Full PDB file with SEQRES, HELIX, SHEET, SSBOND, CRYST1, ORIGX, SCALE, CONECT and MASTER records, all heavy atoms in Angstrom:
SEQRES   1 A   33  ASP PRO ALA LYS PRO ALA SER GLU ILE LYS LYS THR LEU          
SEQRES   2 A   33  VAL LEU PRO PRO SER TYR ALA ASP THR VAL ARG ARG LEU          
SEQRES   3 A   33  LEU ARG ARG PHE LEU PRO GLN                                  
HELIX    1 AA1 ALA A    6  GLU A    8  5                                   3    
HELIX    2 AA2 PRO A   17  PHE A   30  1                                  14    
CRYST1    1.000    1.000    1.000  90.00  90.00  90.00 P 1           1          
ORIGX1      1.000000  0.000000  0.000000        0.00000                         
ORIGX2      0.000000  1.000000  0.000000        0.00000                         
ORIGX3      0.000000  0.000000  1.000000        0.00000                         
SCALE1      1.000000  0.000000  0.000000        0.00000                         
SCALE2      0.000000  1.000000  0.000000        0.00000                         
SCALE3      0.000000  0.000000  1.000000        0.00000                         
ATOM      1  N   ASP A   1     172.358 107.181 -69.734  1.00  0.00           N  
ATOM      2  CA  ASP A   1     170.892 107.359 -69.640  1.00  0.00           C  
ATOM      3  C   ASP A   1     170.270 106.948 -70.902  1.00  0.00           C  
ATOM      4  O   ASP A   1     170.683 107.352 -71.931  1.00  0.00           O  
ATOM      5  CB  ASP A   1     170.651 108.856 -69.338  1.00  0.00           C  
ATOM      6  CG  ASP A   1     171.142 109.202 -67.975  1.00  0.00           C  
ATOM      7  OD1 ASP A   1     171.368 108.349 -67.101  1.00  0.00           O  
ATOM      8  OD2 ASP A   1     171.349 110.369 -67.734  1.00  0.00           O  
ATOM      9  N   PRO A   2     169.256 106.052 -70.774  1.00  0.00           N  
ATOM     10  CA  PRO A   2     168.468 105.697 -72.042  1.00  0.00           C  
ATOM     11  C   PRO A   2     167.669 106.946 -72.586  1.00  0.00           C  
ATOM     12  O   PRO A   2     167.278 107.757 -71.818  1.00  0.00           O  
ATOM     13  CB  PRO A   2     167.535 104.549 -71.558  1.00  0.00           C  
ATOM     14  CG  PRO A   2     167.404 104.873 -70.096  1.00  0.00           C  
ATOM     15  CD  PRO A   2     168.712 105.445 -69.611  1.00  0.00           C  
ATOM     16  N   ALA A   3     167.355 106.829 -73.816  1.00  0.00           N  
ATOM     17  CA  ALA A   3     166.562 107.915 -74.411  1.00  0.00           C  
ATOM     18  C   ALA A   3     165.144 107.878 -73.962  1.00  0.00           C  
ATOM     19  O   ALA A   3     164.589 106.728 -73.899  1.00  0.00           O  
ATOM     20  CB  ALA A   3     166.641 107.791 -75.973  1.00  0.00           C  
ATOM     21  N   LYS A   4     164.453 108.981 -73.708  1.00  0.00           N  
ATOM     22  CA  LYS A   4     163.077 109.051 -73.244  1.00  0.00           C  
ATOM     23  C   LYS A   4     162.140 108.895 -74.495  1.00  0.00           C  
ATOM     24  O   LYS A   4     162.450 109.329 -75.526  1.00  0.00           O  
ATOM     25  CB  LYS A   4     162.792 110.266 -72.490  1.00  0.00           C  
ATOM     26  CG  LYS A   4     163.579 110.354 -71.194  1.00  0.00           C  
ATOM     27  CD  LYS A   4     163.231 111.573 -70.499  1.00  0.00           C  
ATOM     28  CE  LYS A   4     163.824 111.814 -69.096  1.00  0.00           C  
ATOM     29  NZ  LYS A   4     163.491 113.007 -68.441  1.00  0.00           N  
ATOM     30  N   PRO A   5     161.016 108.283 -74.358  1.00  0.00           N  
ATOM     31  CA  PRO A   5     160.027 108.222 -75.418  1.00  0.00           C  
ATOM     32  C   PRO A   5     159.641 109.670 -75.738  1.00  0.00           C  
ATOM     33  O   PRO A   5     159.613 110.643 -74.891  1.00  0.00           O  
ATOM     34  CB  PRO A   5     158.854 107.436 -74.949  1.00  0.00           C  
ATOM     35  CG  PRO A   5     159.444 106.678 -73.788  1.00  0.00           C  
ATOM     36  CD  PRO A   5     160.514 107.455 -73.221  1.00  0.00           C  
ATOM     37  N   ALA A   6     159.185 109.931 -77.007  1.00  0.00           N  
ATOM     38  CA  ALA A   6     158.822 111.249 -77.403  1.00  0.00           C  
ATOM     39  C   ALA A   6     157.566 111.711 -76.711  1.00  0.00           C  
ATOM     40  O   ALA A   6     157.453 112.912 -76.456  1.00  0.00           O  
ATOM     41  CB  ALA A   6     158.490 111.206 -78.926  1.00  0.00           C  
ATOM     42  N   SER A   7     156.730 110.789 -76.215  1.00  0.00           N  
ATOM     43  CA  SER A   7     155.487 111.227 -75.478  1.00  0.00           C  
ATOM     44  C   SER A   7     155.861 111.838 -74.159  1.00  0.00           C  
ATOM     45  O   SER A   7     155.068 112.556 -73.552  1.00  0.00           O  
ATOM     46  CB  SER A   7     154.487 110.092 -75.408  1.00  0.00           C  
ATOM     47  OG  SER A   7     155.133 109.025 -74.719  1.00  0.00           O  
ATOM     48  N   GLU A   8     157.059 111.395 -73.545  1.00  0.00           N  
ATOM     49  CA  GLU A   8     157.356 111.851 -72.256  1.00  0.00           C  
ATOM     50  C   GLU A   8     158.224 113.054 -72.262  1.00  0.00           C  
ATOM     51  O   GLU A   8     158.454 113.625 -71.140  1.00  0.00           O  
ATOM     52  CB  GLU A   8     158.123 110.782 -71.501  1.00  0.00           C  
ATOM     53  CG  GLU A   8     157.338 109.477 -71.345  1.00  0.00           C  
ATOM     54  CD  GLU A   8     158.099 108.355 -70.552  1.00  0.00           C  
ATOM     55  OE1 GLU A   8     159.262 108.666 -70.167  1.00  0.00           O  
ATOM     56  OE2 GLU A   8     157.615 107.250 -70.390  1.00  0.00           O  
ATOM     57  N   ILE A   9     158.533 113.522 -73.426  1.00  0.00           N  
ATOM     58  CA  ILE A   9     159.413 114.818 -73.525  1.00  0.00           C  
ATOM     59  C   ILE A   9     158.498 115.991 -73.594  1.00  0.00           C  
ATOM     60  O   ILE A   9     157.645 116.119 -74.417  1.00  0.00           O  
ATOM     61  CB  ILE A   9     160.288 114.748 -74.703  1.00  0.00           C  
ATOM     62  CG1 ILE A   9     161.235 113.552 -74.607  1.00  0.00           C  
ATOM     63  CG2 ILE A   9     161.134 116.073 -74.778  1.00  0.00           C  
ATOM     64  CD1 ILE A   9     162.163 113.355 -75.868  1.00  0.00           C  
ATOM     65  N   LYS A  10     158.538 116.919 -72.541  1.00  0.00           N  
ATOM     66  CA  LYS A  10     157.728 117.992 -72.492  1.00  0.00           C  
ATOM     67  C   LYS A  10     158.471 119.213 -73.095  1.00  0.00           C  
ATOM     68  O   LYS A  10     159.555 119.558 -72.699  1.00  0.00           O  
ATOM     69  CB  LYS A  10     157.330 118.409 -71.010  1.00  0.00           C  
ATOM     70  CG  LYS A  10     156.472 117.351 -70.445  1.00  0.00           C  
ATOM     71  CD  LYS A  10     156.072 117.680 -68.972  1.00  0.00           C  
ATOM     72  CE  LYS A  10     155.303 116.661 -68.282  1.00  0.00           C  
ATOM     73  NZ  LYS A  10     154.885 117.031 -66.871  1.00  0.00           N  
ATOM     74  N   LYS A  11     157.796 119.793 -74.133  1.00  0.00           N  
ATOM     75  CA  LYS A  11     158.508 120.920 -74.855  1.00  0.00           C  
ATOM     76  C   LYS A  11     157.687 122.212 -74.444  1.00  0.00           C  
ATOM     77  O   LYS A  11     156.511 122.280 -74.684  1.00  0.00           O  
ATOM     78  CB  LYS A  11     158.436 120.669 -76.410  1.00  0.00           C  
ATOM     79  CG  LYS A  11     159.217 119.460 -76.813  1.00  0.00           C  
ATOM     80  CD  LYS A  11     159.113 119.313 -78.338  1.00  0.00           C  
ATOM     81  CE  LYS A  11     159.924 118.088 -78.794  1.00  0.00           C  
ATOM     82  NZ  LYS A  11     159.806 117.933 -80.279  1.00  0.00           N  
ATOM     83  N   THR A  12     158.356 123.106 -73.941  1.00  0.00           N  
ATOM     84  CA  THR A  12     157.837 124.386 -73.532  1.00  0.00           C  
ATOM     85  C   THR A  12     158.471 125.578 -74.407  1.00  0.00           C  
ATOM     86  O   THR A  12     159.700 125.713 -74.468  1.00  0.00           O  
ATOM     87  CB  THR A  12     158.087 124.690 -72.105  1.00  0.00           C  
ATOM     88  OG1 THR A  12     157.547 123.585 -71.306  1.00  0.00           O  
ATOM     89  CG2 THR A  12     157.416 125.955 -71.667  1.00  0.00           C  
ATOM     90  N   LEU A  13     157.547 126.278 -75.032  1.00  0.00           N  
ATOM     91  CA  LEU A  13     157.997 127.352 -75.974  1.00  0.00           C  
ATOM     92  C   LEU A  13     157.976 128.602 -75.137  1.00  0.00           C  
ATOM     93  O   LEU A  13     156.912 129.025 -74.743  1.00  0.00           O  
ATOM     94  CB  LEU A  13     157.143 127.463 -77.163  1.00  0.00           C  
ATOM     95  CG  LEU A  13     157.489 128.535 -78.116  1.00  0.00           C  
ATOM     96  CD1 LEU A  13     158.860 128.406 -78.654  1.00  0.00           C  
ATOM     97  CD2 LEU A  13     156.475 128.674 -79.207  1.00  0.00           C  
ATOM     98  N   VAL A  14     159.039 129.283 -74.937  1.00  0.00           N  
ATOM     99  CA  VAL A  14     159.179 130.510 -74.175  1.00  0.00           C  
ATOM    100  C   VAL A  14     159.672 131.543 -75.128  1.00  0.00           C  
ATOM    101  O   VAL A  14     160.728 131.552 -75.594  1.00  0.00           O  
ATOM    102  CB  VAL A  14     160.096 130.381 -72.913  1.00  0.00           C  
ATOM    103  CG1 VAL A  14     160.250 131.716 -72.226  1.00  0.00           C  
ATOM    104  CG2 VAL A  14     159.732 129.265 -72.004  1.00  0.00           C  
ATOM    105  N   LEU A  15     158.772 132.575 -75.333  1.00  0.00           N  
ATOM    106  CA  LEU A  15     159.085 133.627 -76.269  1.00  0.00           C  
ATOM    107  C   LEU A  15     159.946 134.743 -75.452  1.00  0.00           C  
ATOM    108  O   LEU A  15     159.621 134.997 -74.382  1.00  0.00           O  
ATOM    109  CB  LEU A  15     157.777 134.225 -76.880  1.00  0.00           C  
ATOM    110  CG  LEU A  15     156.991 133.343 -77.776  1.00  0.00           C  
ATOM    111  CD1 LEU A  15     155.820 134.054 -78.219  1.00  0.00           C  
ATOM    112  CD2 LEU A  15     157.817 132.905 -78.920  1.00  0.00           C  
ATOM    113  N   PRO A  16     160.735 135.322 -76.181  1.00  0.00           N  
ATOM    114  CA  PRO A  16     161.484 136.508 -75.578  1.00  0.00           C  
ATOM    115  C   PRO A  16     160.409 137.600 -75.311  1.00  0.00           C  
ATOM    116  O   PRO A  16     159.341 137.605 -75.932  1.00  0.00           O  
ATOM    117  CB  PRO A  16     162.406 136.957 -76.743  1.00  0.00           C  
ATOM    118  CG  PRO A  16     162.625 135.748 -77.496  1.00  0.00           C  
ATOM    119  CD  PRO A  16     161.372 134.950 -77.537  1.00  0.00           C  
ATOM    120  N   PRO A  17     160.681 138.589 -74.365  1.00  0.00           N  
ATOM    121  CA  PRO A  17     159.707 139.546 -74.081  1.00  0.00           C  
ATOM    122  C   PRO A  17     159.257 140.425 -75.244  1.00  0.00           C  
ATOM    123  O   PRO A  17     158.069 140.716 -75.387  1.00  0.00           O  
ATOM    124  CB  PRO A  17     160.379 140.437 -73.031  1.00  0.00           C  
ATOM    125  CG  PRO A  17     161.436 139.421 -72.409  1.00  0.00           C  
ATOM    126  CD  PRO A  17     161.878 138.555 -73.490  1.00  0.00           C  
ATOM    127  N   SER A  18     160.158 140.694 -76.195  1.00  0.00           N  
ATOM    128  CA  SER A  18     159.814 141.571 -77.346  1.00  0.00           C  
ATOM    129  C   SER A  18     158.874 140.798 -78.233  1.00  0.00           C  
ATOM    130  O   SER A  18     157.904 141.295 -78.730  1.00  0.00           O  
ATOM    131  CB  SER A  18     161.081 141.914 -78.076  1.00  0.00           C  
ATOM    132  OG  SER A  18     161.854 140.764 -78.512  1.00  0.00           O  
ATOM    133  N   TYR A  19     159.117 139.432 -78.472  1.00  0.00           N  
ATOM    134  CA  TYR A  19     158.257 138.674 -79.272  1.00  0.00           C  
ATOM    135  C   TYR A  19     156.822 138.462 -78.578  1.00  0.00           C  
ATOM    136  O   TYR A  19     155.832 138.529 -79.246  1.00  0.00           O  
ATOM    137  CB  TYR A  19     158.755 137.343 -79.574  1.00  0.00           C  
ATOM    138  CG  TYR A  19     159.951 137.301 -80.474  1.00  0.00           C  
ATOM    139  CD1 TYR A  19     160.679 136.116 -80.653  1.00  0.00           C  
ATOM    140  CD2 TYR A  19     160.353 138.535 -81.124  1.00  0.00           C  
ATOM    141  CE1 TYR A  19     161.823 136.137 -81.552  1.00  0.00           C  
ATOM    142  CE2 TYR A  19     161.440 138.490 -81.986  1.00  0.00           C  
ATOM    143  CZ  TYR A  19     162.174 137.263 -82.172  1.00  0.00           C  
ATOM    144  OH  TYR A  19     163.234 137.301 -83.016  1.00  0.00           O  
ATOM    145  N   ALA A  20     156.832 138.284 -77.262  1.00  0.00           N  
ATOM    146  CA  ALA A  20     155.621 138.200 -76.574  1.00  0.00           C  
ATOM    147  C   ALA A  20     154.702 139.486 -76.601  1.00  0.00           C  
ATOM    148  O   ALA A  20     153.485 139.322 -76.815  1.00  0.00           O  
ATOM    149  CB  ALA A  20     155.839 137.830 -75.020  1.00  0.00           C  
ATOM    150  N   ASP A  21     155.312 140.550 -76.535  1.00  0.00           N  
ATOM    151  CA  ASP A  21     154.552 141.783 -76.698  1.00  0.00           C  
ATOM    152  C   ASP A  21     154.000 141.975 -78.101  1.00  0.00           C  
ATOM    153  O   ASP A  21     152.818 142.458 -78.317  1.00  0.00           O  
ATOM    154  CB  ASP A  21     155.462 143.035 -76.415  1.00  0.00           C  
ATOM    155  CG  ASP A  21     155.960 143.091 -75.002  1.00  0.00           C  
ATOM    156  OD1 ASP A  21     155.266 142.485 -74.100  1.00  0.00           O  
ATOM    157  OD2 ASP A  21     156.995 143.721 -74.664  1.00  0.00           O  
ATOM    158  N   THR A  22     154.686 141.548 -79.115  1.00  0.00           N  
ATOM    159  CA  THR A  22     154.303 141.633 -80.483  1.00  0.00           C  
ATOM    160  C   THR A  22     152.989 140.635 -80.674  1.00  0.00           C  
ATOM    161  O   THR A  22     152.044 141.078 -81.264  1.00  0.00           O  
ATOM    162  CB  THR A  22     155.336 141.146 -81.493  1.00  0.00           C  
ATOM    163  OG1 THR A  22     156.503 142.063 -81.304  1.00  0.00           O  
ATOM    164  CG2 THR A  22     154.805 141.244 -82.910  1.00  0.00           C  
ATOM    165  N   VAL A  23     153.068 139.434 -80.148  1.00  0.00           N  
ATOM    166  CA  VAL A  23     151.956 138.510 -80.110  1.00  0.00           C  
ATOM    167  C   VAL A  23     150.758 139.202 -79.467  1.00  0.00           C  
ATOM    168  O   VAL A  23     149.598 139.034 -79.993  1.00  0.00           O  
ATOM    169  CB  VAL A  23     152.331 137.201 -79.578  1.00  0.00           C  
ATOM    170  CG1 VAL A  23     151.200 136.266 -79.461  1.00  0.00           C  
ATOM    171  CG2 VAL A  23     153.454 136.525 -80.446  1.00  0.00           C  
ATOM    172  N   ARG A  24     150.992 139.741 -78.421  1.00  0.00           N  
ATOM    173  CA  ARG A  24     149.821 140.316 -77.631  1.00  0.00           C  
ATOM    174  C   ARG A  24     149.143 141.425 -78.426  1.00  0.00           C  
ATOM    175  O   ARG A  24     147.899 141.595 -78.502  1.00  0.00           O  
ATOM    176  CB  ARG A  24     150.237 140.909 -76.201  1.00  0.00           C  
ATOM    177  CG  ARG A  24     150.676 139.780 -75.195  1.00  0.00           C  
ATOM    178  CD  ARG A  24     150.912 140.354 -73.922  1.00  0.00           C  
ATOM    179  NE  ARG A  24     151.546 139.537 -72.913  1.00  0.00           N  
ATOM    180  CZ  ARG A  24     152.719 139.396 -72.708  1.00  0.00           C  
ATOM    181  NH1 ARG A  24     153.576 140.338 -73.274  1.00  0.00           N  
ATOM    182  NH2 ARG A  24     153.291 138.492 -71.838  1.00  0.00           N  
ATOM    183  N   ARG A  25     149.980 142.323 -79.045  1.00  0.00           N  
ATOM    184  CA  ARG A  25     149.454 143.371 -79.909  1.00  0.00           C  
ATOM    185  C   ARG A  25     148.631 142.796 -81.083  1.00  0.00           C  
ATOM    186  O   ARG A  25     147.601 143.363 -81.451  1.00  0.00           O  
ATOM    187  CB  ARG A  25     150.586 144.272 -80.370  1.00  0.00           C  
ATOM    188  CG  ARG A  25     151.178 145.117 -79.305  1.00  0.00           C  
ATOM    189  CD  ARG A  25     152.015 146.219 -79.949  1.00  0.00           C  
ATOM    190  NE  ARG A  25     153.040 145.735 -80.678  1.00  0.00           N  
ATOM    191  CZ  ARG A  25     154.253 145.555 -80.226  1.00  0.00           C  
ATOM    192  NH1 ARG A  25     154.508 145.813 -78.928  1.00  0.00           N  
ATOM    193  NH2 ARG A  25     155.212 145.113 -80.970  1.00  0.00           N  
ATOM    194  N   LEU A  26     149.154 141.747 -81.681  1.00  0.00           N  
ATOM    195  CA  LEU A  26     148.408 141.159 -82.866  1.00  0.00           C  
ATOM    196  C   LEU A  26     147.120 140.475 -82.377  1.00  0.00           C  
ATOM    197  O   LEU A  26     146.130 140.729 -83.075  1.00  0.00           O  
ATOM    198  CB  LEU A  26     149.317 140.059 -83.491  1.00  0.00           C  
ATOM    199  CG  LEU A  26     150.534 140.625 -84.256  1.00  0.00           C  
ATOM    200  CD1 LEU A  26     151.347 139.429 -84.757  1.00  0.00           C  
ATOM    201  CD2 LEU A  26     150.085 141.441 -85.393  1.00  0.00           C  
ATOM    202  N   LEU A  27     147.065 139.923 -81.159  1.00  0.00           N  
ATOM    203  CA  LEU A  27     145.849 139.277 -80.685  1.00  0.00           C  
ATOM    204  C   LEU A  27     144.849 140.420 -80.329  1.00  0.00           C  
ATOM    205  O   LEU A  27     143.670 140.252 -80.650  1.00  0.00           O  
ATOM    206  CB  LEU A  27     146.189 138.397 -79.396  1.00  0.00           C  
ATOM    207  CG  LEU A  27     146.866 137.124 -79.707  1.00  0.00           C  
ATOM    208  CD1 LEU A  27     147.185 136.371 -78.345  1.00  0.00           C  
ATOM    209  CD2 LEU A  27     146.114 136.246 -80.568  1.00  0.00           C  
ATOM    210  N   ARG A  28     145.286 141.515 -79.748  1.00  0.00           N  
ATOM    211  CA  ARG A  28     144.364 142.551 -79.443  1.00  0.00           C  
ATOM    212  C   ARG A  28     143.803 143.188 -80.729  1.00  0.00           C  
ATOM    213  O   ARG A  28     142.639 143.695 -80.685  1.00  0.00           O  
ATOM    214  CB  ARG A  28     145.125 143.611 -78.562  1.00  0.00           C  
ATOM    215  CG  ARG A  28     145.271 143.321 -77.079  1.00  0.00           C  
ATOM    216  CD  ARG A  28     145.573 144.536 -76.256  1.00  0.00           C  
ATOM    217  NE  ARG A  28     146.798 145.043 -76.694  1.00  0.00           N  
ATOM    218  CZ  ARG A  28     148.033 144.760 -76.137  1.00  0.00           C  
ATOM    219  NH1 ARG A  28     148.095 143.942 -75.099  1.00  0.00           N  
ATOM    220  NH2 ARG A  28     149.158 145.395 -76.500  1.00  0.00           N  
ATOM    221  N   ARG A  29     144.547 143.072 -81.728  1.00  0.00           N  
ATOM    222  CA  ARG A  29     144.124 143.844 -82.991  1.00  0.00           C  
ATOM    223  C   ARG A  29     143.125 142.888 -83.779  1.00  0.00           C  
ATOM    224  O   ARG A  29     142.183 143.348 -84.320  1.00  0.00           O  
ATOM    225  CB  ARG A  29     145.279 144.066 -83.873  1.00  0.00           C  
ATOM    226  CG  ARG A  29     144.962 144.750 -85.152  1.00  0.00           C  
ATOM    227  CD  ARG A  29     146.100 145.019 -86.087  1.00  0.00           C  
ATOM    228  NE  ARG A  29     145.799 145.641 -87.311  1.00  0.00           N  
ATOM    229  CZ  ARG A  29     146.695 146.079 -88.213  1.00  0.00           C  
ATOM    230  NH1 ARG A  29     148.054 145.917 -87.915  1.00  0.00           N  
ATOM    231  NH2 ARG A  29     146.366 146.630 -89.348  1.00  0.00           N  
ATOM    232  N   PHE A  30     143.371 141.582 -83.850  1.00  0.00           N  
ATOM    233  CA  PHE A  30     142.611 140.744 -84.742  1.00  0.00           C  
ATOM    234  C   PHE A  30     141.560 139.918 -83.923  1.00  0.00           C  
ATOM    235  O   PHE A  30     140.667 139.382 -84.546  1.00  0.00           O  
ATOM    236  CB  PHE A  30     143.573 139.739 -85.451  1.00  0.00           C  
ATOM    237  CG  PHE A  30     144.434 140.458 -86.430  1.00  0.00           C  
ATOM    238  CD1 PHE A  30     145.804 140.677 -86.175  1.00  0.00           C  
ATOM    239  CD2 PHE A  30     143.888 140.915 -87.602  1.00  0.00           C  
ATOM    240  CE1 PHE A  30     146.590 141.317 -87.102  1.00  0.00           C  
ATOM    241  CE2 PHE A  30     144.689 141.696 -88.540  1.00  0.00           C  
ATOM    242  CZ  PHE A  30     146.039 141.820 -88.283  1.00  0.00           C  
ATOM    243  N   LEU A  31     141.732 139.694 -82.676  1.00  0.00           N  
ATOM    244  CA  LEU A  31     140.723 138.875 -81.920  1.00  0.00           C  
ATOM    245  C   LEU A  31     139.350 139.344 -81.943  1.00  0.00           C  
ATOM    246  O   LEU A  31     138.386 138.527 -82.074  1.00  0.00           O  
ATOM    247  CB  LEU A  31     141.281 138.726 -80.442  1.00  0.00           C  
ATOM    248  CG  LEU A  31     140.539 137.682 -79.592  1.00  0.00           C  
ATOM    249  CD1 LEU A  31     140.615 136.298 -80.243  1.00  0.00           C  
ATOM    250  CD2 LEU A  31     141.097 137.680 -78.210  1.00  0.00           C  
ATOM    251  N   PRO A  32     139.091 140.678 -81.739  1.00  0.00           N  
ATOM    252  CA  PRO A  32     137.675 141.135 -81.978  1.00  0.00           C  
ATOM    253  C   PRO A  32     137.012 140.806 -83.205  1.00  0.00           C  
ATOM    254  O   PRO A  32     135.792 140.563 -83.235  1.00  0.00           O  
ATOM    255  CB  PRO A  32     137.868 142.751 -81.785  1.00  0.00           C  
ATOM    256  CG  PRO A  32     139.127 142.931 -80.972  1.00  0.00           C  
ATOM    257  CD  PRO A  32     140.030 141.791 -81.529  1.00  0.00           C  
ATOM    258  N   GLN A  33     137.748 140.707 -84.334  1.00  0.00           N  
ATOM    259  CA  GLN A  33     137.160 140.300 -85.586  1.00  0.00           C  
ATOM    260  C   GLN A  33     136.565 138.905 -85.575  1.00  0.00           C  
ATOM    261  O   GLN A  33     135.516 138.589 -86.088  1.00  0.00           O  
ATOM    262  CB  GLN A  33     138.198 140.470 -86.745  1.00  0.00           C  
ATOM    263  CG  GLN A  33     138.801 141.860 -86.812  1.00  0.00           C  
ATOM    264  CD  GLN A  33     139.717 141.921 -87.949  1.00  0.00           C  
ATOM    265  OE1 GLN A  33     139.673 141.257 -88.939  1.00  0.00           O  
ATOM    266  NE2 GLN A  33     140.674 142.881 -87.841  1.00  0.00           N  
TER     267      GLN A  33                                                      
MASTER        0    0    0    2    0    0    0    6  266    1    0    3          
END                                                                             
């Protein structure tokens, strides 16, 4: 298989549930500011 161009490679970042909860708490804390 030939290598795909970098523009055609879709990168999806999936955080673990514990990390996702931490990000949500930080957003709820700092977003109102």
